[in-house]
Amino acid sequence: MMRNELLLRIKTRPRPSEKKEEGRKDFPTFYRAYERLVRSTLYHLIGKNDLDDLTQQVFVRCWQKYSQFEGRSEESTWVIKIAINLAKDHWRKTKNHLQMAAEEQALNLIDDRSLESRASFENQQALEKALNLLSFEHRSVIVLMYFQDLSLEEIGELTDESLGTVKSRLHYARAELRRLLLKMGIEV
């Protein structure tokens, strides 16, 4: 479904009671506020193949469940938590295809103008491949920590894990990522 079709469907959908709608943004404003954050997080978690579909699912789910947002956390935290949960479900369904996705992502990096040399391309390619070989739990803590710049506490809140569990997962995720990169010939 195209973005314009999605916007039209959501604009024309009857909205819940006005009492629950206080402070709610209109959908295009909501979408623009979080699109970049959601797409970036999902890209690093699931790759490029189903990025558009999953991004759309995140925004539809957020919009449908907005009345349940209690405000105990930042709105962006709530949106990312929904994105992570949908990515986790998607990963479980498609984990057999991760190797193909990693190879496709690596080929798409050739078009990335920010890569300055062949060596940096190869390092980026190896990193993408290694990330795709991590378990979802390990990949998600790496993505949230290093690509989204979240604190350990914020990661714990998003993943419903204790601070100790987040620290442990991050430790083991780094060790596994280092092992995979060394196996690919990349010094870390």
C-alpha atoms as a PDB file:
ATOM      1  CA  MET A   1       0.000   0.000   0.000  1.00  0.00           C
ATOM      2  CA  MET A   2       1.381   3.410  -0.905  1.00  0.00           C
ATOM      3  CA  ARG A   3       1.981   6.074   1.726  1.00  0.00           C
ATOM      4  CA  ASN A   4      -0.751   8.333   0.287  1.00  0.00           C
ATOM      5  CA  GLU A   5      -3.291   5.505   0.446  1.00  0.00           C
ATOM      6  CA  LEU A   6      -2.368   4.881   4.077  1.00  0.00           C
ATOM      7  CA  LEU A   7      -2.753   8.568   4.929  1.00  0.00           C
ATOM      8  CA  LEU A   8      -6.144   8.689   3.200  1.00  0.00           C
ATOM      9  CA  ARG A   9      -7.398   5.552   5.009  1.00  0.00           C
ATOM     10  CA  ILE A  10      -6.359   6.869   8.389  1.00  0.00           C
ATOM     11  CA  LYS A  11      -7.664  10.400   7.787  1.00  0.00           C
ATOM     12  CA  THR A  12     -11.099   9.075   6.862  1.00  0.00           C
ATOM     13  CA  ARG A  13     -11.361   6.483   9.658  1.00  0.00           C
ATOM     14  CA  PRO A  14     -13.761   7.467  12.438  1.00  0.00           C
ATOM     15  CA  ARG A  15     -11.851   8.495  15.528  1.00  0.00           C
ATOM     16  CA  PRO A  16     -12.436   7.319  19.123  1.00  0.00           C
ATOM     17  CA  SER A  17     -14.122   9.549  21.661  1.00  0.00           C
ATOM     18  CA  GLU A  18     -12.923  13.122  21.872  1.00  0.00           C
ATOM     19  CA  LYS A  19     -11.999  12.695  25.551  1.00  0.00           C
ATOM     20  CA  LYS A  20      -9.268  10.179  24.645  1.00  0.00           C
ATOM     21  CA  GLU A  21      -8.184  12.367  21.752  1.00  0.00           C
ATOM     22  CA  GLU A  22      -6.997  15.332  23.829  1.00  0.00           C
ATOM     23  CA  GLY A  23      -3.454  16.144  22.826  1.00  0.00           C
ATOM     24  CA  ARG A  24      -3.463  13.664  19.942  1.00  0.00           C
ATOM     25  CA  LYS A  25      -1.735  14.877  16.808  1.00  0.00           C
ATOM     26  CA  ASP A  26      -3.244  14.478  13.381  1.00  0.00           C
ATOM     27  CA  PHE A  27      -1.835  11.450  11.569  1.00  0.00           C
ATOM     28  CA  PRO A  28       0.425  13.278   9.054  1.00  0.00           C
ATOM     29  CA  THR A  29       2.069  15.234  11.903  1.00  0.00           C
ATOM     30  CA  PHE A  30       2.457  12.057  13.966  1.00  0.00           C
ATOM     31  CA  TYR A  31       3.930  10.211  10.975  1.00  0.00           C
ATOM     32  CA  ARG A  32       6.421  12.973  10.134  1.00  0.00           C
ATOM     33  CA  ALA A  33       7.518  13.209  13.770  1.00  0.00           C
ATOM     34  CA  TYR A  34       8.552   9.563  14.011  1.00  0.00           C
ATOM     35  CA  GLU A  35       9.069   8.233  10.488  1.00  0.00           C
ATOM     36  CA  ARG A  36      12.846   8.667  10.466  1.00  0.00           C
ATOM     37  CA  LEU A  37      13.267   7.134  13.930  1.00  0.00           C
ATOM     38  CA  VAL A  38      11.038   4.159  13.135  1.00  0.00           C
ATOM     39  CA  ARG A  39      12.582   3.476   9.717  1.00  0.00           C
ATOM     40  CA  SER A  40      16.125   3.709  11.076  1.00  0.00           C
ATOM     41  CA  THR A  41      15.397   1.345  13.957  1.00  0.00           C
ATOM     42  CA  LEU A  42      13.567  -1.141  11.752  1.00  0.00           C
ATOM     43  CA  TYR A  43      16.251  -1.037   9.060  1.00  0.00           C
ATOM     44  CA  HIS A  44      18.899  -2.087  11.558  1.00  0.00           C
ATOM     45  CA  LEU A  45      16.674  -4.744  13.080  1.00  0.00           C
ATOM     46  CA  ILE A  46      15.107  -6.379  10.018  1.00  0.00           C
ATOM     47  CA  GLY A  47      16.925  -5.031   6.963  1.00  0.00           C
ATOM     48  CA  LYS A  48      15.591  -3.461   3.808  1.00  0.00           C
ATOM     49  CA  ASN A  49      13.353  -6.218   2.412  1.00  0.00           C
ATOM     50  CA  ASP A  50      10.193  -5.584   4.433  1.00  0.00           C
ATOM     51  CA  LEU A  51      11.053  -2.136   5.748  1.00  0.00           C
ATOM     52  CA  ASP A  52       8.181  -0.254   4.089  1.00  0.00           C
ATOM     53  CA  ASP A  53       5.540  -2.794   5.086  1.00  0.00           C
ATOM     54  CA  LEU A  54       6.732  -3.016   8.670  1.00  0.00           C
ATOM     55  CA  THR A  55       7.001   0.778   8.960  1.00  0.00           C
ATOM     56  CA  GLN A  56       3.398   1.029   7.810  1.00  0.00           C
ATOM     57  CA  GLN A  57       2.331  -1.627  10.321  1.00  0.00           C
ATOM     58  CA  VAL A  58       4.034   0.310  13.123  1.00  0.00           C
ATOM     59  CA  PHE A  59       2.175   3.520  12.315  1.00  0.00           C
ATOM     60  CA  VAL A  60      -1.156   1.785  11.858  1.00  0.00           C
ATOM     61  CA  ARG A  61      -0.707   0.003  15.207  1.00  0.00           C
ATOM     62  CA  CYS A  62       0.341   3.238  16.935  1.00  0.00           C
ATOM     63  CA  TRP A  63      -2.619   5.117  15.532  1.00  0.00           C
ATOM     64  CA  GLN A  64      -5.064   2.356  16.474  1.00  0.00           C
ATOM     65  CA  LYS A  65      -3.641   2.052  20.000  1.00  0.00           C
ATOM     66  CA  TYR A  66      -3.042   5.751  20.653  1.00  0.00           C
ATOM     67  CA  SER A  67      -5.896   5.914  23.160  1.00  0.00           C
ATOM     68  CA  GLN A  68      -3.986   3.336  25.240  1.00  0.00           C
ATOM     69  CA  PHE A  69      -0.857   5.497  25.452  1.00  0.00           C
ATOM     70  CA  GLU A  70      -0.714   6.429  29.120  1.00  0.00           C
ATOM     71  CA  GLY A  71       2.070   8.997  28.993  1.00  0.00           C
ATOM     72  CA  ARG A  72       4.289   7.183  31.520  1.00  0.00           C
ATOM     73  CA  SER A  73       7.134   7.449  29.008  1.00  0.00           C
ATOM     74  CA  GLU A  74       7.959   9.700  26.102  1.00  0.00           C
ATOM     75  CA  GLU A  75       5.748   9.250  23.077  1.00  0.00           C
ATOM     76  CA  SER A  76       8.835   8.366  21.012  1.00  0.00           C
ATOM     77  CA  THR A  77       9.696   5.575  23.473  1.00  0.00           C
ATOM     78  CA  TRP A  78       6.194   4.155  23.113  1.00  0.00           C
ATOM     79  CA  VAL A  79       6.425   4.281  19.294  1.00  0.00           C
ATOM     80  CA  ILE A  80       9.833   2.560  19.266  1.00  0.00           C
ATOM     81  CA  LYS A  81       8.588  -0.115  21.651  1.00  0.00           C
ATOM     82  CA  ILE A  82       5.801  -0.935  19.201  1.00  0.00           C
ATOM     83  CA  ALA A  83       8.350  -0.987  16.360  1.00  0.00           C
ATOM     84  CA  ILE A  84      10.623  -3.354  18.297  1.00  0.00           C
ATOM     85  CA  ASN A  85       7.770  -5.714  19.129  1.00  0.00           C
ATOM     86  CA  LEU A  86       6.598  -5.847  15.509  1.00  0.00           C
ATOM     87  CA  ALA A  87      10.197  -6.333  14.315  1.00  0.00           C
ATOM     88  CA  LYS A  88      10.636  -9.176  16.795  1.00  0.00           C
ATOM     89  CA  ASP A  89       7.482 -10.886  15.501  1.00  0.00           C
ATOM     90  CA  HIS A  90       8.651 -10.365  11.931  1.00  0.00           C
ATOM     91  CA  TRP A  91      12.122 -11.719  12.737  1.00  0.00           C
ATOM     92  CA  ARG A  92      10.656 -14.888  14.223  1.00  0.00           C
ATOM     93  CA  LYS A  93       8.656 -15.488  11.049  1.00  0.00           C
ATOM     94  CA  THR A  94      11.517 -14.796   8.627  1.00  0.00           C
ATOM     95  CA  LYS A  95      14.740 -15.710  10.455  1.00  0.00           C
ATOM     96  CA  ASN A  96      15.587 -18.344   7.821  1.00  0.00           C
ATOM     97  CA  HIS A  97      15.935 -15.570   5.243  1.00  0.00           C
ATOM     98  CA  LEU A  98      18.400 -13.430   7.204  1.00  0.00           C
ATOM     99  CA  GLN A  99      21.441 -14.510   5.233  1.00  0.00           C
ATOM    100  CA  MET A 100      19.836 -13.469   1.933  1.00  0.00           C
ATOM    101  CA  ALA A 101      18.798 -10.144   3.471  1.00  0.00           C
ATOM    102  CA  ALA A 102      22.330  -9.524   4.724  1.00  0.00           C
ATOM    103  CA  GLU A 103      23.743 -10.105   1.256  1.00  0.00           C
ATOM    104  CA  GLU A 104      21.174  -7.805  -0.346  1.00  0.00           C
ATOM    105  CA  GLN A 105      21.894  -5.064   2.206  1.00  0.00           C
ATOM    106  CA  ALA A 106      25.603  -5.374   1.525  1.00  0.00           C
ATOM    107  CA  LEU A 107      25.037  -5.001  -2.225  1.00  0.00           C
ATOM    108  CA  ASN A 108      22.866  -1.937  -1.642  1.00  0.00           C
ATOM    109  CA  LEU A 109      25.659  -0.309   0.340  1.00  0.00           C
ATOM    110  CA  ILE A 110      27.621   0.090  -2.892  1.00  0.00           C
ATOM    111  CA  ASP A 111      25.350   3.022  -3.758  1.00  0.00           C
ATOM    112  CA  ASP A 112      26.009   4.727  -0.420  1.00  0.00           C
ATOM    113  CA  ARG A 113      27.958   7.904  -1.244  1.00  0.00           C
ATOM    114  CA  SER A 114      29.218   8.280   2.340  1.00  0.00           C
ATOM    115  CA  LEU A 115      31.619   5.334   1.992  1.00  0.00           C
ATOM    116  CA  GLU A 116      35.057   6.751   1.317  1.00  0.00           C
ATOM    117  CA  SER A 117      37.009   3.665   0.343  1.00  0.00           C
ATOM    118  CA  ARG A 118      36.730   0.017  -0.564  1.00  0.00           C
ATOM    119  CA  ALA A 119      38.043  -0.932   2.898  1.00  0.00           C
ATOM    120  CA  SER A 120      35.305   0.994   4.679  1.00  0.00           C
ATOM    121  CA  PHE A 121      32.740  -0.602   2.351  1.00  0.00           C
ATOM    122  CA  GLU A 122      34.025  -4.049   3.233  1.00  0.00           C
ATOM    123  CA  ASN A 123      33.932  -3.204   6.941  1.00  0.00           C
ATOM    124  CA  GLN A 124      30.377  -1.899   6.624  1.00  0.00           C
ATOM    125  CA  GLN A 125      29.375  -4.985   4.652  1.00  0.00           C
ATOM    126  CA  ALA A 126      30.885  -7.261   7.300  1.00  0.00           C
ATOM    127  CA  LEU A 127      29.172  -5.324  10.110  1.00  0.00           C
ATOM    128  CA  GLU A 128      25.773  -5.606   8.416  1.00  0.00           C
ATOM    129  CA  LYS A 129      26.294  -9.313   7.834  1.00  0.00           C
ATOM    130  CA  ALA A 130      27.450  -9.887  11.429  1.00  0.00           C
ATOM    131  CA  LEU A 131      24.484  -7.941  12.843  1.00  0.00           C
ATOM    132  CA  ASN A 132      22.122 -10.126  10.829  1.00  0.00           C
ATOM    133  CA  LEU A 133      23.707 -13.238  12.308  1.00  0.00           C
ATOM    134  CA  LEU A 134      23.076 -12.128  15.906  1.00  0.00           C
ATOM    135  CA  SER A 135      19.987 -13.242  17.782  1.00  0.00           C
ATOM    136  CA  PHE A 136      17.182 -10.687  17.800  1.00  0.00           C
ATOM    137  CA  GLU A 137      17.784  -9.893  21.494  1.00  0.00           C
ATOM    138  CA  HIS A 138      21.487  -9.230  20.902  1.00  0.00           C
ATOM    139  CA  ARG A 139      20.915  -7.277  17.703  1.00  0.00           C
ATOM    140  CA  SER A 140      18.246  -5.104  19.312  1.00  0.00           C
ATOM    141  CA  VAL A 141      20.496  -3.993  22.212  1.00  0.00           C
ATOM    142  CA  ILE A 142      23.317  -3.173  19.767  1.00  0.00           C
ATOM    143  CA  VAL A 143      20.961  -1.214  17.495  1.00  0.00           C
ATOM    144  CA  LEU A 144      19.323   0.683  20.352  1.00  0.00           C
ATOM    145  CA  MET A 145      22.647   1.491  22.032  1.00  0.00           C
ATOM    146  CA  TYR A 146      24.818   2.393  19.050  1.00  0.00           C
ATOM    147  CA  PHE A 147      22.436   3.362  16.242  1.00  0.00           C
ATOM    148  CA  GLN A 148      19.709   5.043  18.308  1.00  0.00           C
ATOM    149  CA  ASP A 149      21.981   6.349  21.123  1.00  0.00           C
ATOM    150  CA  LEU A 150      19.697   5.166  23.913  1.00  0.00           C
ATOM    151  CA  SER A 151      20.857   4.709  27.482  1.00  0.00           C
ATOM    152  CA  LEU A 152      20.893   1.329  29.192  1.00  0.00           C
ATOM    153  CA  GLU A 153      17.883   2.407  31.246  1.00  0.00           C
ATOM    154  CA  GLU A 154      15.928   3.396  28.127  1.00  0.00           C
ATOM    155  CA  ILE A 155      16.773   0.081  26.473  1.00  0.00           C
ATOM    156  CA  GLY A 156      15.529  -1.731  29.571  1.00  0.00           C
ATOM    157  CA  GLU A 157      12.278   0.210  29.437  1.00  0.00           C
ATOM    158  CA  LEU A 158      11.795  -0.538  25.742  1.00  0.00           C
ATOM    159  CA  THR A 159      12.570  -4.238  26.040  1.00  0.00           C
ATOM    160  CA  ASP A 160      10.871  -4.791  29.417  1.00  0.00           C
ATOM    161  CA  GLU A 161      14.140  -6.102  30.851  1.00  0.00           C
ATOM    162  CA  SER A 162      16.009  -5.226  34.034  1.00  0.00           C
ATOM    163  CA  LEU A 163      19.125  -3.064  33.853  1.00  0.00           C
ATOM    164  CA  GLY A 164      21.252  -6.104  34.731  1.00  0.00           C
ATOM    165  CA  THR A 165      19.756  -8.132  31.889  1.00  0.00           C
ATOM    166  CA  VAL A 166      20.360  -5.286  29.428  1.00  0.00           C
ATOM    167  CA  LYS A 167      23.997  -4.978  30.544  1.00  0.00           C
ATOM    168  CA  SER A 168      24.476  -8.731  30.254  1.00  0.00           C
ATOM    169  CA  ARG A 169      22.895  -8.870  26.789  1.00  0.00           C
ATOM    170  CA  LEU A 170      25.017  -5.957  25.630  1.00  0.00           C
ATOM    171  CA  HIS A 171      28.171  -7.656  26.927  1.00  0.00           C
ATOM    172  CA  TYR A 172      27.382 -10.932  25.166  1.00  0.00           C
ATOM    173  CA  ALA A 173      26.183  -9.150  22.026  1.00  0.00           C
ATOM    174  CA  ARG A 174      29.465  -7.212  21.769  1.00  0.00           C
ATOM    175  CA  ALA A 175      31.468 -10.397  22.331  1.00  0.00           C
ATOM    176  CA  GLU A 176      29.505 -12.278  19.657  1.00  0.00           C
ATOM    177  CA  LEU A 177      29.725  -9.361  17.218  1.00  0.00           C
ATOM    178  CA  ARG A 178      33.487  -9.137  17.812  1.00  0.00           C
ATOM    179  CA  ARG A 179      33.833 -12.914  17.271  1.00  0.00           C
ATOM    180  CA  LEU A 180      31.835 -12.775  14.017  1.00  0.00           C
ATOM    181  CA  LEU A 181      33.793  -9.804  12.691  1.00  0.00           C
ATOM    182  CA  LEU A 182      37.130 -11.466  13.503  1.00  0.00           C
ATOM    183  CA  LYS A 183      35.915 -14.589  11.719  1.00  0.00           C
ATOM    184  CA  MET A 184      35.217 -12.378   8.671  1.00  0.00           C
ATOM    185  CA  GLY A 185      38.738 -10.955   8.841  1.00  0.00           C
ATOM    186  CA  ILE A 186      37.841  -7.574  10.338  1.00  0.00           C
ATOM    187  CA  GLU A 187      40.076  -6.406  13.179  1.00  0.00           C
ATOM    188  CA  VAL A 188      38.158  -4.869  16.089  1.00  0.00           C
END
